[in-house]
Amino acid sequence: MEMAENGVHAWEMLNRSPGKYHAVLLDRIMPEMDGIELLKKMKSQPSLNNLPVIMQTASRESHEIKEGIKAGAYYYLTKPYSKEAVRLITAAAVNDFKRHKMFSERQTNNLSNDSRRGENHYHFRTLEEAQIISELLSRECPCPEKAVAGLWELIINAVEHGNLGITYGEKTRLIQEGKWEEEIHRRLSMSPYSARKATVTIEKSINEIRFRVKDEGEGFDWMPYMEISPERAFDTHGRGIAMSRHKSFYYLEYVGKGNEVVASVKR
């Protein structure tokens, strides 16, 4: 961990070594340059745009949180906070960054020949299969490093929340206990979850590439998750759909009861 004396110092550090950091814990009120101004400068810089920012603030005012979210702060801490709260939210931000960085850098030479034949639909059940398919399908897009993060979020939602029925509250508890992946593997071996599969279909036209992800779950109320709300800005998860919508796709919409989502990128 490295500390900056003020916003200007932080900006100098980030510009000097943009690939050095995995997350930034940022005060909203700082001397020389405040947190919102620094955040906007970071998001305008391609080398810093994907670096997650955790905004720490003494205010829970909805309009202030919305301003930070609009500027690109998707993680929040309200002062005073516990060491455990810092650990959990920082771990969430760092893990998201590492995963997206890994996806954008990974090559697809470990995929089987069958996966390379240009099929337009793929079935999956597990986290491992979701990862491979996300990486494979992102290579069809003009900006695979942007598409892969969004595809992962939509495909993993189909596994954990769709087919396995893990609720928002349950995931919060599992993350706090460090048992999220353990619970996914447990449910994959249980009835009725073990028989469920999800499907992702790719459809290409002259102007766009469209992905359709469908699971066999009961669906969910998807509307609240299309944006990051001030009420959920302090949670360790729940940003995936909104981030996918704003950063990976030009179009994203859930269909019907919420067990099918369509997302598109322009060609």
Protein backbone atom coordinates (compact mmCIF):
# COMPACT_ATOMS: atom_id res chain seq x y z
CA MET A 1 0.00 0.00 0.00
CA GLU A 2 1.21 3.51 -0.84
CA MET A 3 -0.13 6.80 0.49
CA ALA A 4 -0.51 10.15 -1.29
CA GLU A 5 -0.45 13.47 0.56
CA ASN A 6 -3.15 15.04 -1.59
CA GLY A 7 -5.00 14.70 -4.88
CA VAL A 8 -2.23 16.21 -6.97
CA HIS A 9 0.35 13.86 -5.46
CA ALA A 10 -1.97 10.90 -6.10
CA TRP A 11 -2.39 11.94 -9.75
CA GLU A 12 1.38 12.17 -10.15
CA MET A 13 1.86 8.69 -8.65
CA LEU A 14 -0.81 7.15 -10.87
CA ASN A 15 0.54 8.76 -14.02
CA ARG A 16 4.08 7.74 -13.21
CA SER A 17 3.22 4.06 -12.71
CA PRO A 18 -0.27 3.35 -14.11
CA GLY A 19 0.19 -0.43 -14.12
CA LYS A 20 1.47 -0.64 -10.56
CA TYR A 21 -1.80 -0.42 -8.64
CA HIS A 22 -4.79 -2.76 -8.33
CA ALA A 23 -7.21 -0.35 -6.64
CA VAL A 24 -7.36 3.22 -5.33
CA LEU A 25 -8.91 4.17 -1.98
CA LEU A 26 -9.89 7.78 -2.49
CA ASP A 27 -11.15 10.48 -0.12
CA ARG A 28 -13.90 12.63 -1.52
CA ILE A 29 -12.53 15.69 0.28
CA MET A 30 -8.79 16.25 -0.30
CA PRO A 31 -6.47 19.27 -0.51
CA GLU A 32 -5.14 20.52 -3.87
CA MET A 33 -7.51 18.30 -5.90
CA ASP A 34 -10.69 16.73 -4.53
CA GLY A 35 -11.69 13.10 -5.03
CA ILE A 36 -14.28 13.70 -7.74
CA GLU A 37 -11.86 15.73 -9.85
CA LEU A 38 -9.14 13.11 -9.49
CA LEU A 39 -11.63 10.36 -10.32
CA LYS A 40 -12.73 12.12 -13.51
CA LYS A 41 -9.10 12.57 -14.59
CA MET A 42 -8.44 8.86 -13.99
CA LYS A 43 -11.45 7.77 -16.02
CA SER A 44 -10.38 10.00 -18.92
CA GLN A 45 -6.97 8.28 -19.07
CA PRO A 46 -7.01 4.94 -20.99
CA SER A 47 -4.22 3.49 -18.84
CA LEU A 48 -6.19 4.20 -15.65
CA ASN A 49 -9.77 3.85 -16.84
CA ASN A 50 -10.26 0.28 -15.56
CA LEU A 51 -8.52 0.80 -12.23
CA PRO A 52 -11.24 0.41 -9.55
CA VAL A 53 -11.78 3.35 -7.22
CA ILE A 54 -13.18 2.99 -3.71
CA MET A 55 -14.60 6.33 -2.60
CA GLN A 56 -14.50 6.93 1.14
CA THR A 57 -16.83 9.59 2.43
CA ALA A 58 -18.41 10.80 5.66
CA SER A 59 -21.73 11.37 3.90
CA ARG A 60 -24.46 8.96 2.88
CA GLU A 61 -26.29 11.66 0.94
CA SER A 62 -27.84 10.03 -2.13
CA HIS A 63 -26.95 12.87 -4.52
CA GLU A 64 -23.28 12.79 -3.52
CA ILE A 65 -23.07 9.03 -3.98
CA LYS A 66 -24.81 9.30 -7.37
CA GLU A 67 -22.28 11.92 -8.41
CA GLY A 68 -19.42 9.57 -7.52
CA ILE A 69 -21.03 6.63 -9.29
CA LYS A 70 -21.58 8.72 -12.41
CA ALA A 71 -17.91 9.73 -12.33
CA GLY A 72 -16.85 6.07 -12.07
CA ALA A 73 -16.61 5.20 -8.35
CA TYR A 74 -18.42 1.86 -8.12
CA TYR A 75 -17.22 0.99 -4.59
CA TYR A 76 -17.97 3.03 -1.48
CA LEU A 77 -17.00 3.19 2.20
CA THR A 78 -18.68 5.49 4.72
CA LYS A 79 -16.68 6.84 7.63
CA PRO A 80 -16.37 5.63 10.30
CA TYR A 81 -15.93 2.06 9.07
CA SER A 82 -14.54 -1.16 10.51
CA LYS A 83 -11.36 -2.93 9.44
CA GLU A 84 -13.53 -5.79 8.20
CA ALA A 85 -15.53 -3.44 5.96
CA VAL A 86 -12.30 -2.09 4.46
CA ARG A 87 -10.97 -5.61 3.93
CA LEU A 88 -14.13 -6.86 2.21
CA ILE A 89 -14.71 -3.90 -0.12
CA THR A 90 -11.01 -3.64 -1.01
CA ALA A 91 -10.84 -7.38 -1.72
CA ALA A 92 -13.91 -7.10 -3.96
CA ALA A 93 -12.38 -4.23 -5.97
CA VAL A 94 -8.96 -5.87 -6.26
CA ASN A 95 -10.44 -9.25 -7.25
CA ASP A 96 -12.58 -7.63 -9.94
CA PHE A 97 -9.54 -5.81 -11.32
CA LYS A 98 -7.34 -8.92 -11.30
CA ARG A 99 -10.00 -11.04 -12.99
CA HIS A 100 -10.67 -8.50 -15.73
CA LYS A 101 -6.94 -7.99 -16.27
CA MET A 102 -6.41 -11.75 -16.50
CA PHE A 103 -9.25 -12.09 -19.02
CA SER A 104 -7.95 -9.28 -21.22
CA GLU A 105 -4.43 -10.73 -21.30
CA ARG A 106 -5.19 -14.44 -21.55
CA GLN A 107 -4.72 -16.22 -24.84
CA THR A 108 -7.22 -18.74 -26.20
CA ASN A 109 -4.70 -21.41 -27.20
CA ASN A 110 -5.95 -23.66 -24.38
CA LEU A 111 -9.39 -24.01 -25.99
CA SER A 112 -10.33 -27.27 -27.63
CA ASN A 113 -10.72 -27.62 -31.38
CA ASP A 114 -14.46 -28.07 -30.96
CA SER A 115 -14.66 -24.61 -29.41
CA ARG A 116 -12.96 -23.07 -32.42
CA ARG A 117 -15.40 -24.24 -35.10
CA GLY A 118 -17.54 -21.13 -35.18
CA GLU A 119 -20.58 -22.65 -33.45
CA ASN A 120 -23.20 -20.09 -32.56
CA HIS A 121 -24.33 -21.55 -29.23
CA TYR A 122 -22.57 -23.00 -26.19
CA HIS A 123 -23.84 -24.79 -23.09
CA PHE A 124 -22.24 -24.36 -19.67
CA ARG A 125 -22.75 -25.31 -16.02
CA THR A 126 -19.64 -24.40 -14.04
CA LEU A 127 -17.45 -21.38 -13.29
CA GLU A 128 -14.65 -22.94 -15.31
CA GLU A 129 -16.86 -23.38 -18.37
CA ALA A 130 -18.19 -19.84 -17.94
CA GLN A 131 -14.63 -18.49 -17.97
CA ILE A 132 -13.62 -20.37 -21.12
CA ILE A 133 -16.76 -19.34 -23.02
CA SER A 134 -16.40 -15.69 -21.96
CA GLU A 135 -12.85 -15.61 -23.27
CA LEU A 136 -13.73 -17.41 -26.49
CA LEU A 137 -16.73 -15.26 -27.41
CA SER A 138 -14.95 -12.01 -26.58
CA ARG A 139 -12.51 -12.76 -29.43
CA GLU A 140 -15.40 -12.22 -31.85
CA CYS A 141 -15.69 -8.57 -30.76
CA PRO A 142 -13.78 -5.53 -32.06
CA CYS A 143 -12.61 -4.78 -28.47
CA PRO A 144 -12.29 -8.18 -26.76
CA GLU A 145 -10.71 -6.69 -23.63
CA LYS A 146 -13.93 -4.71 -23.03
CA ALA A 147 -16.35 -7.44 -24.03
CA VAL A 148 -14.83 -10.23 -21.94
CA ALA A 149 -15.56 -8.54 -18.60
CA GLY A 150 -19.21 -7.99 -19.51
CA LEU A 151 -19.65 -11.48 -20.91
CA TRP A 152 -18.19 -12.96 -17.72
CA GLU A 153 -20.63 -11.01 -15.55
CA LEU A 154 -23.69 -12.06 -17.55
CA ILE A 155 -22.60 -15.69 -17.89
CA ILE A 156 -21.62 -16.07 -14.23
CA ASN A 157 -24.98 -14.55 -13.21
CA ALA A 158 -26.67 -17.30 -15.21
CA VAL A 159 -24.74 -19.88 -13.18
CA GLU A 160 -24.88 -18.54 -9.63
CA HIS A 161 -28.13 -16.56 -9.48
CA GLY A 162 -29.96 -18.33 -12.30
CA ASN A 163 -29.36 -22.07 -12.30
CA LEU A 164 -28.07 -22.35 -8.72
CA GLY A 165 -30.56 -19.96 -7.16
CA ILE A 166 -28.09 -18.07 -4.96
CA THR A 167 -29.87 -14.90 -3.85
CA TYR A 168 -28.32 -11.46 -3.41
CA GLY A 169 -28.45 -11.77 0.37
CA GLU A 170 -26.96 -15.25 0.31
CA LYS A 171 -24.06 -14.10 -1.85
CA THR A 172 -23.38 -11.22 0.56
CA ARG A 173 -23.13 -13.69 3.44
CA LEU A 174 -21.05 -16.20 1.45
CA ILE A 175 -18.52 -13.53 0.47
CA GLN A 176 -18.24 -12.38 4.08
CA GLU A 177 -17.60 -15.99 5.17
CA GLY A 178 -15.22 -16.70 2.27
CA LYS A 179 -17.46 -19.55 1.05
CA TRP A 180 -18.84 -18.27 -2.28
CA GLU A 181 -17.03 -20.70 -4.61
CA GLU A 182 -17.45 -23.55 -2.12
CA GLU A 183 -21.24 -23.05 -2.16
CA ILE A 184 -21.31 -22.96 -5.97
CA HIS A 185 -19.48 -26.29 -6.18
CA ARG A 186 -21.77 -27.75 -3.51
CA ARG A 187 -24.95 -26.79 -5.35
CA LEU A 188 -23.62 -28.03 -8.68
CA SER A 189 -23.71 -31.54 -7.23
CA MET A 190 -27.23 -31.19 -5.74
CA SER A 191 -30.66 -31.83 -7.21
CA PRO A 192 -32.32 -30.00 -8.92
CA TYR A 193 -29.33 -27.77 -9.72
CA SER A 194 -27.10 -30.55 -11.06
CA ALA A 195 -29.37 -31.10 -14.08
CA ARG A 196 -29.52 -27.45 -15.12
CA LYS A 197 -27.54 -25.96 -17.97
CA ALA A 198 -27.31 -22.45 -19.34
CA THR A 199 -26.81 -21.42 -22.95
CA VAL A 200 -25.13 -18.49 -24.63
CA THR A 201 -25.85 -17.80 -28.29
CA ILE A 202 -23.92 -15.47 -30.58
CA GLU A 203 -25.71 -13.82 -33.49
CA LYS A 204 -23.84 -11.70 -36.04
CA SER A 205 -25.17 -9.07 -38.42
CA ILE A 206 -23.54 -6.37 -40.51
CA ASN A 207 -23.73 -3.78 -37.74
CA GLU A 208 -23.58 -5.70 -34.48
CA ILE A 209 -22.69 -8.85 -32.59
CA ARG A 210 -25.43 -9.96 -30.24
CA PHE A 211 -25.11 -12.35 -27.30
CA ARG A 212 -28.10 -14.09 -25.74
CA VAL A 213 -27.57 -15.77 -22.36
CA LYS A 214 -30.36 -17.97 -20.98
CA ASP A 215 -30.51 -20.06 -17.80
CA GLU A 216 -33.04 -22.54 -16.39
CA GLY A 217 -33.67 -20.70 -13.13
CA GLU A 218 -36.75 -18.93 -11.82
CA GLY A 219 -35.63 -15.49 -12.98
CA PHE A 220 -35.29 -12.34 -10.87
CA ASP A 221 -36.29 -8.69 -10.68
CA TRP A 222 -33.54 -7.35 -12.91
CA MET A 223 -34.58 -3.71 -13.18
CA PRO A 224 -32.84 -2.48 -9.97
CA TYR A 225 -29.50 -3.89 -11.18
CA MET A 226 -29.35 -2.00 -14.48
CA GLU A 227 -27.76 0.90 -12.56
CA ILE A 228 -25.59 1.01 -9.45
CA SER A 229 -27.86 2.45 -6.78
CA PRO A 230 -26.63 4.52 -3.81
CA GLU A 231 -28.17 1.91 -1.51
CA ARG A 232 -25.99 -0.89 -2.95
CA ALA A 233 -22.82 1.16 -3.52
CA PHE A 234 -21.49 -0.05 -0.15
CA ASP A 235 -22.05 -3.76 -0.88
CA THR A 236 -19.25 -6.13 -1.89
CA HIS A 237 -21.07 -7.19 -5.06
CA GLY A 238 -24.07 -6.32 -7.25
CA ARG A 239 -22.29 -4.08 -9.79
CA GLY A 240 -21.78 -6.59 -12.58
CA ILE A 241 -24.86 -5.95 -14.71
CA ALA A 242 -24.58 -2.15 -14.52
CA MET A 243 -20.85 -2.21 -15.24
CA SER A 244 -21.42 -4.54 -18.19
CA ARG A 245 -24.11 -2.27 -19.53
CA HIS A 246 -21.98 0.87 -19.35
CA LYS A 247 -18.49 -0.46 -20.07
CA SER A 248 -18.82 -3.56 -22.28
CA PHE A 249 -21.98 -3.28 -24.40
CA TYR A 250 -23.90 -0.58 -26.21
CA TYR A 251 -27.15 -2.48 -25.57
CA LEU A 252 -28.12 -4.75 -22.67
CA GLU A 253 -31.61 -5.83 -21.66
CA TYR A 254 -33.16 -8.68 -19.72
CA VAL A 255 -36.14 -10.49 -21.19
CA GLY A 256 -39.34 -11.58 -19.48
CA LYS A 257 -38.90 -12.93 -15.96
CA GLY A 258 -35.15 -12.32 -15.97
CA ASN A 259 -33.63 -15.67 -16.93
CA GLU A 260 -32.62 -14.40 -20.37
CA VAL A 261 -30.42 -11.40 -21.23
CA VAL A 262 -29.47 -9.92 -24.58
CA ALA A 263 -26.35 -7.79 -25.01
CA SER A 264 -24.77 -6.28 -28.14
CA VAL A 265 -21.55 -4.70 -29.32
CA LYS A 266 -21.15 -2.71 -32.50
CA ARG A 267 -18.98 -4.14 -35.29
